[in-house]
All heavy atoms as atom14 arrays in JSON, in Angstrom:
{
  "sequence": "VQFNMEICGCTESYLTFYMPEQIRVFRIAH",
  "atom14_mask": [
    [1, 1, 1, 1, 1, 1, 1, 0, 0, 0, 0, 0, 0, 0],
    [1, 1, 1, 1, 1, 1, 1, 1, 1, 0, 0, 0, 0, 0],
    [1, 1, 1, 1, 1, 1, 1, 1, 1, 1, 1, 0, 0, 0],
    [1, 1, 1, 1, 1, 1, 1, 1, 0, 0, 0, 0, 0, 0],
    [1, 1, 1, 1, 1, 1, 1, 1, 0, 0, 0, 0, 0, 0],
    [1, 1, 1, 1, 1, 1, 1, 1, 1, 0, 0, 0, 0, 0],
    [1, 1, 1, 1, 1, 1, 1, 1, 0, 0, 0, 0, 0, 0],
    [1, 1, 1, 1, 1, 1, 0, 0, 0, 0, 0, 0, 0, 0],
    [1, 1, 1, 1, 0, 0, 0, 0, 0, 0, 0, 0, 0, 0],
    [1, 1, 1, 1, 1, 1, 0, 0, 0, 0, 0, 0, 0, 0],
    [1, 1, 1, 1, 1, 1, 1, 0, 0, 0, 0, 0, 0, 0],
    [1, 1, 1, 1, 1, 1, 1, 1, 1, 0, 0, 0, 0, 0],
    [1, 1, 1, 1, 1, 1, 0, 0, 0, 0, 0, 0, 0, 0],
    [1, 1, 1, 1, 1, 1, 1, 1, 1, 1, 1, 1, 0, 0],
    [1, 1, 1, 1, 1, 1, 1, 1, 0, 0, 0, 0, 0, 0],
    [1, 1, 1, 1, 1, 1, 1, 0, 0, 0, 0, 0, 0, 0],
    [1, 1, 1, 1, 1, 1, 1, 1, 1, 1, 1, 0, 0, 0],
    [1, 1, 1, 1, 1, 1, 1, 1, 1, 1, 1, 1, 0, 0],
    [1, 1, 1, 1, 1, 1, 1, 1, 0, 0, 0, 0, 0, 0],
    [1, 1, 1, 1, 1, 1, 1, 0, 0, 0, 0, 0, 0, 0],
    [1, 1, 1, 1, 1, 1, 1, 1, 1, 0, 0, 0, 0, 0],
    [1, 1, 1, 1, 1, 1, 1, 1, 1, 0, 0, 0, 0, 0],
    [1, 1, 1, 1, 1, 1, 1, 1, 0, 0, 0, 0, 0, 0],
    [1, 1, 1, 1, 1, 1, 1, 1, 1, 1, 1, 0, 0, 0],
    [1, 1, 1, 1, 1, 1, 1, 0, 0, 0, 0, 0, 0, 0],
    [1, 1, 1, 1, 1, 1, 1, 1, 1, 1, 1, 0, 0, 0],
    [1, 1, 1, 1, 1, 1, 1, 1, 1, 1, 1, 0, 0, 0],
    [1, 1, 1, 1, 1, 1, 1, 1, 0, 0, 0, 0, 0, 0],
    [1, 1, 1, 1, 1, 0, 0, 0, 0, 0, 0, 0, 0, 0],
    [1, 1, 1, 1, 1, 1, 1, 1, 1, 1, 0, 0, 0, 0]
  ],
  "atom14_positions": [
    [[14.4, 0.91, 6.28], [15.71, 0.59, 5.73], [15.63, -0.6, 4.75], [16.37, -0.64, 3.76], [16.77, 0.34, 6.83], [17.01, 1.61, 7.62], [16.4, -0.8, 7.74], [0.0, 0.0, 0.0], [0.0, 0.0, 0.0], [0.0, 0.0, 0.0], [0.0, 0.0, 0.0], [0.0, 0.0, 0.0], [0.0, 0.0, 0.0], [0.0, 0.0, 0.0]],
    [[14.72, -1.55, 4.99], [14.52, -2.63, 4.02], [14.01, -2.05, 2.7], [14.45, -2.43, 1.61], [13.56, -3.69, 4.56], [14.09, -4.54, 5.69], [15.2, -5.49, 5.26], [15.41, -5.74, 4.08], [15.92, -6.03, 6.24], [0.0, 0.0, 0.0], [0.0, 0.0, 0.0], [0.0, 0.0, 0.0], [0.0, 0.0, 0.0], [0.0, 0.0, 0.0]],
    [[13.07, -1.13, 2.8], [12.49, -0.44, 1.65], [13.58, 0.31, 0.89], [13.71, 0.21, -0.33], [11.41, 0.51, 2.16], [10.63, 1.26, 1.12], [9.42, 0.78, 0.65], [11.09, 2.48, 0.63], [8.68, 1.49, -0.29], [10.36, 3.19, -0.31], [9.15, 2.7, -0.76], [0.0, 0.0, 0.0], [0.0, 0.0, 0.0], [0.0, 0.0, 0.0]],
    [[14.39, 1.09, 1.63], [15.43, 1.9, 0.99], [16.51, 1.03, 0.33], [16.98, 1.36, -0.76], [16.07, 2.83, 2.02], [15.14, 3.93, 2.48], [14.01, 4.03, 2.02], [15.6, 4.76, 3.41], [0.0, 0.0, 0.0], [0.0, 0.0, 0.0], [0.0, 0.0, 0.0], [0.0, 0.0, 0.0], [0.0, 0.0, 0.0], [0.0, 0.0, 0.0]],
    [[16.89, -0.06, 1.0], [17.88, -0.96, 0.39], [17.36, -1.55, -0.91], [18.09, -1.64, -1.9], [18.24, -2.07, 1.38], [19.19, -1.65, 2.48], [19.78, -3.07, 3.46], [18.33, -3.44, 4.46], [0.0, 0.0, 0.0], [0.0, 0.0, 0.0], [0.0, 0.0, 0.0], [0.0, 0.0, 0.0], [0.0, 0.0, 0.0], [0.0, 0.0, 0.0]],
    [[16.1, -1.96, -0.91], [15.51, -2.54, -2.11], [15.52, -1.55, -3.26], [15.89, -1.9, -4.39], [14.08, -3.0, -1.81], [13.24, -3.36, -3.01], [13.75, -4.57, -3.79], [14.56, -5.35, -3.23], [13.35, -4.73, -4.96], [0.0, 0.0, 0.0], [0.0, 0.0, 0.0], [0.0, 0.0, 0.0], [0.0, 0.0, 0.0], [0.0, 0.0, 0.0]],
    [[15.15, -0.33, -3.01], [15.09, 0.68, -4.07], [16.48, 1.05, -4.58], [16.69, 1.21, -5.79], [14.34, 1.93, -3.58], [12.84, 1.61, -3.45], [14.56, 3.12, -4.52], [12.0, 2.74, -2.94], [0.0, 0.0, 0.0], [0.0, 0.0, 0.0], [0.0, 0.0, 0.0], [0.0, 0.0, 0.0], [0.0, 0.0, 0.0], [0.0, 0.0, 0.0]],
    [[17.43, 1.14, -3.67], [18.77, 1.62, -4.04], [19.74, 0.5, -4.41], [20.9, 0.76, -4.74], [19.35, 2.46, -2.91], [18.4, 3.95, -2.56], [0.0, 0.0, 0.0], [0.0, 0.0, 0.0], [0.0, 0.0, 0.0], [0.0, 0.0, 0.0], [0.0, 0.0, 0.0], [0.0, 0.0, 0.0], [0.0, 0.0, 0.0], [0.0, 0.0, 0.0]],
    [[19.28, -0.76, -4.33], [20.12, -1.87, -4.72], [21.26, -2.15, -3.76], [22.32, -2.62, -4.18], [0.0, 0.0, 0.0], [0.0, 0.0, 0.0], [0.0, 0.0, 0.0], [0.0, 0.0, 0.0], [0.0, 0.0, 0.0], [0.0, 0.0, 0.0], [0.0, 0.0, 0.0], [0.0, 0.0, 0.0], [0.0, 0.0, 0.0], [0.0, 0.0, 0.0]],
    [[21.05, -1.89, -2.48], [22.07, -2.13, -1.46], [21.75, -3.42, -0.7], [20.59, -3.8, -0.56], [22.14, -0.97, -0.48], [22.67, 0.59, -1.22], [0.0, 0.0, 0.0], [0.0, 0.0, 0.0], [0.0, 0.0, 0.0], [0.0, 0.0, 0.0], [0.0, 0.0, 0.0], [0.0, 0.0, 0.0], [0.0, 0.0, 0.0], [0.0, 0.0, 0.0]],
    [[22.79, -4.05, -0.19], [22.6, -5.3, 0.54], [22.71, -5.13, 2.05], [22.43, -6.07, 2.79], [23.62, -6.37, 0.1], [24.95, -5.9, 0.36], [23.46, -6.68, -1.38], [0.0, 0.0, 0.0], [0.0, 0.0, 0.0], [0.0, 0.0, 0.0], [0.0, 0.0, 0.0], [0.0, 0.0, 0.0], [0.0, 0.0, 0.0], [0.0, 0.0, 0.0]],
    [[23.13, -3.95, 2.51], [23.18, -3.72, 3.95], [22.94, -2.25, 4.26], [23.09, -1.38, 3.4], [24.51, -4.19, 4.54], [25.72, -3.46, 4.02], [27.02, -4.03, 4.57], [27.01, -5.14, 5.13], [28.06, -3.35, 4.44], [0.0, 0.0, 0.0], [0.0, 0.0, 0.0], [0.0, 0.0, 0.0], [0.0, 0.0, 0.0], [0.0, 0.0, 0.0]],
    [[22.55, -2.0, 5.5], [22.27, -0.64, 5.93], [22.74, -0.46, 7.36], [22.9, -1.42, 8.11], [20.77, -0.33, 5.83], [20.05, -1.21, 6.68], [0.0, 0.0, 0.0], [0.0, 0.0, 0.0], [0.0, 0.0, 0.0], [0.0, 0.0, 0.0], [0.0, 0.0, 0.0], [0.0, 0.0, 0.0], [0.0, 0.0, 0.0], [0.0, 0.0, 0.0]],
    [[22.92, 0.81, 7.74], [23.35, 1.15, 9.09], [22.34, 2.13, 9.69], [22.33, 3.31, 9.35], [24.77, 1.72, 9.07], [25.74, 0.71, 8.52], [26.19, 0.79, 7.2], [26.13, -0.38, 9.28], [27.03, -0.17, 6.68], [26.97, -1.35, 8.77], [27.42, -1.24, 7.47], [28.23, -2.2, 6.94], [0.0, 0.0, 0.0], [0.0, 0.0, 0.0]],
    [[21.47, 1.59, 10.52], [20.47, 2.38, 11.22], [21.15, 2.95, 12.46], [21.49, 2.2, 13.38], [19.27, 1.52, 11.58], [18.16, 2.17, 12.41], [17.55, 3.36, 11.68], [17.08, 1.15, 12.75], [0.0, 0.0, 0.0], [0.0, 0.0, 0.0], [0.0, 0.0, 0.0], [0.0, 0.0, 0.0], [0.0, 0.0, 0.0], [0.0, 0.0, 0.0]],
    [[21.35, 4.25, 12.48], [22.2, 4.88, 13.48], [21.39, 5.81, 14.38], [20.74, 6.74, 13.89], [23.33, 5.67, 12.8], [24.09, 4.76, 11.99], [24.23, 6.34, 13.81], [0.0, 0.0, 0.0], [0.0, 0.0, 0.0], [0.0, 0.0, 0.0], [0.0, 0.0, 0.0], [0.0, 0.0, 0.0], [0.0, 0.0, 0.0], [0.0, 0.0, 0.0]],
    [[21.43, 5.55, 15.67], [20.77, 6.4, 16.66], [21.81, 7.29, 17.32], [22.84, 6.79, 17.8], [20.04, 5.55, 17.71], [18.83, 4.86, 17.18], [18.93, 3.65, 16.52], [17.57, 5.43, 17.32], [17.8, 3.02, 16.01], [16.43, 4.81, 16.81], [16.56, 3.61, 16.16], [0.0, 0.0, 0.0], [0.0, 0.0, 0.0], [0.0, 0.0, 0.0]],
    [[21.5, 8.57, 17.33], [22.44, 9.55, 17.9], [21.77, 10.43, 18.93], [20.67, 10.95, 18.7], [23.02, 10.43, 16.79], [23.77, 11.64, 17.32], [25.11, 11.53, 17.7], [23.13, 12.87, 17.48], [25.79, 12.63, 18.22], [23.8, 13.97, 17.99], [25.13, 13.84, 18.36], [25.79, 14.93, 18.88], [0.0, 0.0, 0.0], [0.0, 0.0, 0.0]],
    [[22.42, 10.58, 20.06], [22.11, 11.61, 21.04], [23.45, 12.23, 21.45], [24.5, 11.58, 21.27], [21.37, 11.03, 22.25], [20.0, 10.46, 21.9], [19.07, 9.86, 23.35], [18.48, 11.45, 24.02], [0.0, 0.0, 0.0], [0.0, 0.0, 0.0], [0.0, 0.0, 0.0], [0.0, 0.0, 0.0], [0.0, 0.0, 0.0], [0.0, 0.0, 0.0]],
    [[23.46, 13.44, 21.97], [24.75, 14.07, 22.3], [25.64, 13.23, 23.21], [26.87, 13.36, 23.15], [24.33, 15.37, 22.99], [23.01, 15.7, 22.37], [22.33, 14.37, 22.17], [0.0, 0.0, 0.0], [0.0, 0.0, 0.0], [0.0, 0.0, 0.0], [0.0, 0.0, 0.0], [0.0, 0.0, 0.0], [0.0, 0.0, 0.0], [0.0, 0.0, 0.0]],
    [[25.04, 12.34, 23.98], [25.82, 11.53, 24.91], [26.03, 10.09, 24.46], [26.7, 9.3, 25.14], [25.16, 11.52, 26.3], [23.84, 10.78, 26.39], [22.63, 11.6, 25.96], [22.83, 12.73, 25.46], [21.5, 11.12, 26.12], [0.0, 0.0, 0.0], [0.0, 0.0, 0.0], [0.0, 0.0, 0.0], [0.0, 0.0, 0.0], [0.0, 0.0, 0.0]],
    [[25.48, 9.72, 23.28], [25.6, 8.31, 22.87], [25.35, 8.16, 21.37], [24.58, 8.91, 20.77], [24.61, 7.43, 23.64], [24.72, 5.94, 23.35], [23.73, 5.1, 24.15], [22.87, 5.64, 24.85], [23.83, 3.8, 24.05], [0.0, 0.0, 0.0], [0.0, 0.0, 0.0], [0.0, 0.0, 0.0], [0.0, 0.0, 0.0], [0.0, 0.0, 0.0]],
    [[26.01, 7.16, 20.78], [25.71, 6.74, 19.42], [25.64, 5.21, 19.41], [26.44, 4.54, 20.07], [26.77, 7.24, 18.4], [26.37, 6.82, 16.98], [28.17, 6.76, 18.75], [27.27, 7.41, 15.9], [0.0, 0.0, 0.0], [0.0, 0.0, 0.0], [0.0, 0.0, 0.0], [0.0, 0.0, 0.0], [0.0, 0.0, 0.0], [0.0, 0.0, 0.0]],
    [[24.66, 4.67, 18.7], [24.51, 3.22, 18.57], [24.17, 2.91, 17.12], [23.26, 3.54, 16.54], [23.42, 2.69, 19.5], [23.15, 1.19, 19.36], [22.16, 0.7, 20.42], [22.77, 0.72, 21.74], [22.08, 0.64, 22.88], [20.77, 0.55, 22.85], [22.71, 0.66, 24.04], [0.0, 0.0, 0.0], [0.0, 0.0, 0.0], [0.0, 0.0, 0.0]],
    [[24.88, 1.96, 16.54], [24.7, 1.63, 15.13], [24.23, 0.18, 14.98], [24.89, -0.74, 15.45], [26.02, 1.81, 14.33], [25.79, 1.49, 12.85], [26.55, 3.24, 14.5], [0.0, 0.0, 0.0], [0.0, 0.0, 0.0], [0.0, 0.0, 0.0], [0.0, 0.0, 0.0], [0.0, 0.0, 0.0], [0.0, 0.0, 0.0], [0.0, 0.0, 0.0]],
    [[23.08, 0.02, 14.33], [22.54, -1.3, 14.02], [22.87, -1.63, 12.57], [22.59, -0.82, 11.67], [21.02, -1.34, 14.19], [20.53, -1.14, 15.59], [20.33, 0.13, 16.12], [20.25, -2.24, 16.4], [19.86, 0.31, 17.41], [19.78, -2.08, 17.69], [19.59, -0.81, 18.2], [0.0, 0.0, 0.0], [0.0, 0.0, 0.0], [0.0, 0.0, 0.0]],
    [[23.43, -2.79, 12.34], [23.6, -3.27, 10.97], [22.41, -4.13, 10.62], [22.05, -5.06, 11.35], [24.88, -4.09, 10.81], [25.02, -4.68, 9.4], [26.24, -5.58, 9.29], [26.3, -6.17, 7.96], [25.74, -7.33, 7.62], [25.09, -8.06, 8.51], [25.83, -7.78, 6.38], [0.0, 0.0, 0.0], [0.0, 0.0, 0.0], [0.0, 0.0, 0.0]],
    [[21.77, -3.82, 9.49], [20.61, -4.58, 9.01], [20.88, -4.98, 7.58], [21.16, -4.13, 6.72], [19.32, -3.74, 9.1], [19.04, -3.32, 10.56], [18.13, -4.51, 8.54], [17.89, -2.36, 10.73], [0.0, 0.0, 0.0], [0.0, 0.0, 0.0], [0.0, 0.0, 0.0], [0.0, 0.0, 0.0], [0.0, 0.0, 0.0], [0.0, 0.0, 0.0]],
    [[20.81, -6.27, 7.31], [21.03, -6.78, 5.95], [19.72, -6.84, 5.18], [18.64, -7.0, 5.76], [21.67, -8.18, 6.02], [0.0, 0.0, 0.0], [0.0, 0.0, 0.0], [0.0, 0.0, 0.0], [0.0, 0.0, 0.0], [0.0, 0.0, 0.0], [0.0, 0.0, 0.0], [0.0, 0.0, 0.0], [0.0, 0.0, 0.0], [0.0, 0.0, 0.0]],
    [[19.82, -6.69, 3.88], [18.65, -6.83, 3.01], [18.07, -8.23, 3.19], [18.78, -9.23, 3.12], [19.09, -6.63, 1.55], [17.99, -6.71, 0.55], [17.61, -7.9, -0.04], [17.18, -5.75, 0.03], [16.63, -7.67, -0.89], [16.35, -6.37, -0.87], [0.0, 0.0, 0.0], [0.0, 0.0, 0.0], [0.0, 0.0, 0.0], [0.0, 0.0, 0.0]]
  ]
}
């Protein structure tokens, strides 16, 4: 996500883990 933010010019990202019984979202800043 650091790599992708750098290439796309974004300052934050949402790394999201999904399973049918749960979702968890991590916010990661550049």
